[in-house]
């Protein structure tokens, strides 16, 4: 994904702002080309704690709390 990073303030933009809207990018390049730089934005990923497709996260055993007897595995024989 392409975006523009503002290097010098102009209009409503401050240095460091990201412009990702295509129409806004075109307008910025048409009117203030020396105030922005083109950058490649990484593709958004799933949240870090989300299980990856095909992972065994669903097979994981729940954690036990030693202070909670109800969550401990049964030790009766």
C-alpha atoms as a PDB file:
ATOM      1  CA  UNK A   1       0.000   0.000   0.000  1.00  0.00           C
ATOM      2  CA  UNK A   2       1.340   3.398  -0.942  1.00  0.00           C
ATOM      3  CA  UNK A   3       1.060   6.492   1.234  1.00  0.00           C
ATOM      4  CA  UNK A   4       2.580   9.935   1.594  1.00  0.00           C
ATOM      5  CA  UNK A   5       4.424  11.105   4.691  1.00  0.00           C
ATOM      6  CA  UNK A   6       4.350  14.851   5.317  1.00  0.00           C
ATOM      7  CA  UNK A   7       7.849  16.316   5.755  1.00  0.00           C
ATOM      8  CA  UNK A   8       6.887  20.012   6.011  1.00  0.00           C
ATOM      9  CA  UNK A   9       3.577  21.383   7.305  1.00  0.00           C
ATOM     10  CA  UNK A  10       0.979  22.540   4.780  1.00  0.00           C
ATOM     11  CA  UNK A  11      -2.797  22.944   4.919  1.00  0.00           C
ATOM     12  CA  UNK A  12      -4.131  20.811   7.768  1.00  0.00           C
ATOM     13  CA  UNK A  13      -1.121  18.474   7.708  1.00  0.00           C
ATOM     14  CA  UNK A  14       1.752  18.446  10.192  1.00  0.00           C
ATOM     15  CA  UNK A  15       5.162  16.819   9.712  1.00  0.00           C
ATOM     16  CA  UNK A  16       4.876  13.073  10.226  1.00  0.00           C
ATOM     17  CA  UNK A  17       1.231  12.827   9.154  1.00  0.00           C
ATOM     18  CA  UNK A  18       0.378   9.948   6.823  1.00  0.00           C
ATOM     19  CA  UNK A  19      -1.855  10.567   3.816  1.00  0.00           C
ATOM     20  CA  UNK A  20      -3.435   7.343   2.573  1.00  0.00           C
ATOM     21  CA  UNK A  21      -6.579   8.531   0.770  1.00  0.00           C
ATOM     22  CA  UNK A  22      -5.932   8.415  -2.986  1.00  0.00           C
ATOM     23  CA  UNK A  23      -7.678  11.729  -3.727  1.00  0.00           C
ATOM     24  CA  UNK A  24      -5.827  13.476  -0.875  1.00  0.00           C
ATOM     25  CA  UNK A  25      -2.530  11.986  -2.077  1.00  0.00           C
ATOM     26  CA  UNK A  26      -3.126  13.310  -5.594  1.00  0.00           C
ATOM     27  CA  UNK A  27      -4.045  16.750  -4.266  1.00  0.00           C
ATOM     28  CA  UNK A  28      -0.945  16.877  -2.051  1.00  0.00           C
ATOM     29  CA  UNK A  29       1.315  15.849  -4.931  1.00  0.00           C
ATOM     30  CA  UNK A  30      -0.327  18.407  -7.248  1.00  0.00           C
ATOM     31  CA  UNK A  31      -0.094  21.332  -4.817  1.00  0.00           C
ATOM     32  CA  UNK A  32       2.792  20.561  -2.409  1.00  0.00           C
ATOM     33  CA  UNK A  33       5.081  17.945  -3.957  1.00  0.00           C
ATOM     34  CA  UNK A  34       8.103  19.206  -2.006  1.00  0.00           C
ATOM     35  CA  UNK A  35       6.336  18.735   1.324  1.00  0.00           C
ATOM     36  CA  UNK A  36       5.694  14.985   1.123  1.00  0.00           C
ATOM     37  CA  UNK A  37       7.558  11.752   0.407  1.00  0.00           C
ATOM     38  CA  UNK A  38       6.074   8.534  -0.960  1.00  0.00           C
ATOM     39  CA  UNK A  39       6.374   5.496   1.282  1.00  0.00           C
ATOM     40  CA  UNK A  40       5.346   1.838   1.146  1.00  0.00           C
ATOM     41  CA  UNK A  41       3.050   0.980   4.032  1.00  0.00           C
ATOM     42  CA  UNK A  42       3.100  -2.589   5.339  1.00  0.00           C
ATOM     43  CA  UNK A  43      -0.038  -4.611   4.841  1.00  0.00           C
ATOM     44  CA  UNK A  44      -2.086  -4.737   8.020  1.00  0.00           C
ATOM     45  CA  UNK A  45      -1.749  -8.107   9.718  1.00  0.00           C
ATOM     46  CA  UNK A  46      -3.988  -9.876  12.136  1.00  0.00           C
ATOM     47  CA  UNK A  47      -3.458  -8.890  15.782  1.00  0.00           C
ATOM     48  CA  UNK A  48      -0.375 -10.485  17.305  1.00  0.00           C
ATOM     49  CA  UNK A  49      -2.430 -12.522  19.763  1.00  0.00           C
ATOM     50  CA  UNK A  50      -4.774 -13.915  17.098  1.00  0.00           C
ATOM     51  CA  UNK A  51      -4.137 -17.555  16.200  1.00  0.00           C
ATOM     52  CA  UNK A  52      -2.635 -18.035  12.778  1.00  0.00           C
ATOM     53  CA  UNK A  53      -4.632 -19.980  10.229  1.00  0.00           C
ATOM     54  CA  UNK A  54      -3.868 -23.657  10.577  1.00  0.00           C
ATOM     55  CA  UNK A  55      -2.323 -23.256  14.041  1.00  0.00           C
ATOM     56  CA  UNK A  56      -2.973 -25.656  16.860  1.00  0.00           C
ATOM     57  CA  UNK A  57      -4.117 -22.851  19.174  1.00  0.00           C
ATOM     58  CA  UNK A  58      -7.553 -24.423  19.377  1.00  0.00           C
ATOM     59  CA  UNK A  59      -5.987 -27.658  20.631  1.00  0.00           C
ATOM     60  CA  UNK A  60      -4.102 -25.952  23.462  1.00  0.00           C
ATOM     61  CA  UNK A  61      -5.048 -27.012  26.974  1.00  0.00           C
ATOM     62  CA  UNK A  62      -6.327 -24.288  29.284  1.00  0.00           C
ATOM     63  CA  UNK A  63      -3.976 -23.053  31.981  1.00  0.00           C
ATOM     64  CA  UNK A  64      -4.588 -24.247  35.506  1.00  0.00           C
ATOM     65  CA  UNK A  65      -4.564 -22.048  38.576  1.00  0.00           C
ATOM     66  CA  UNK A  66      -2.974 -23.838  41.562  1.00  0.00           C
ATOM     67  CA  UNK A  67      -4.977 -21.629  43.950  1.00  0.00           C
ATOM     68  CA  UNK A  68      -8.256 -22.765  42.373  1.00  0.00           C
ATOM     69  CA  UNK A  69      -8.993 -26.444  43.036  1.00  0.00           C
ATOM     70  CA  UNK A  70     -11.718 -26.442  40.382  1.00  0.00           C
ATOM     71  CA  UNK A  71      -9.165 -25.664  37.659  1.00  0.00           C
ATOM     72  CA  UNK A  72      -6.671 -28.328  38.708  1.00  0.00           C
ATOM     73  CA  UNK A  73      -6.542 -31.588  36.780  1.00  0.00           C
ATOM     74  CA  UNK A  74      -8.149 -34.467  38.626  1.00  0.00           C
ATOM     75  CA  UNK A  75      -5.633 -36.519  40.620  1.00  0.00           C
ATOM     76  CA  UNK A  76      -8.108 -39.099  41.914  1.00  0.00           C
ATOM     77  CA  UNK A  77      -7.355 -42.670  40.979  1.00  0.00           C
END
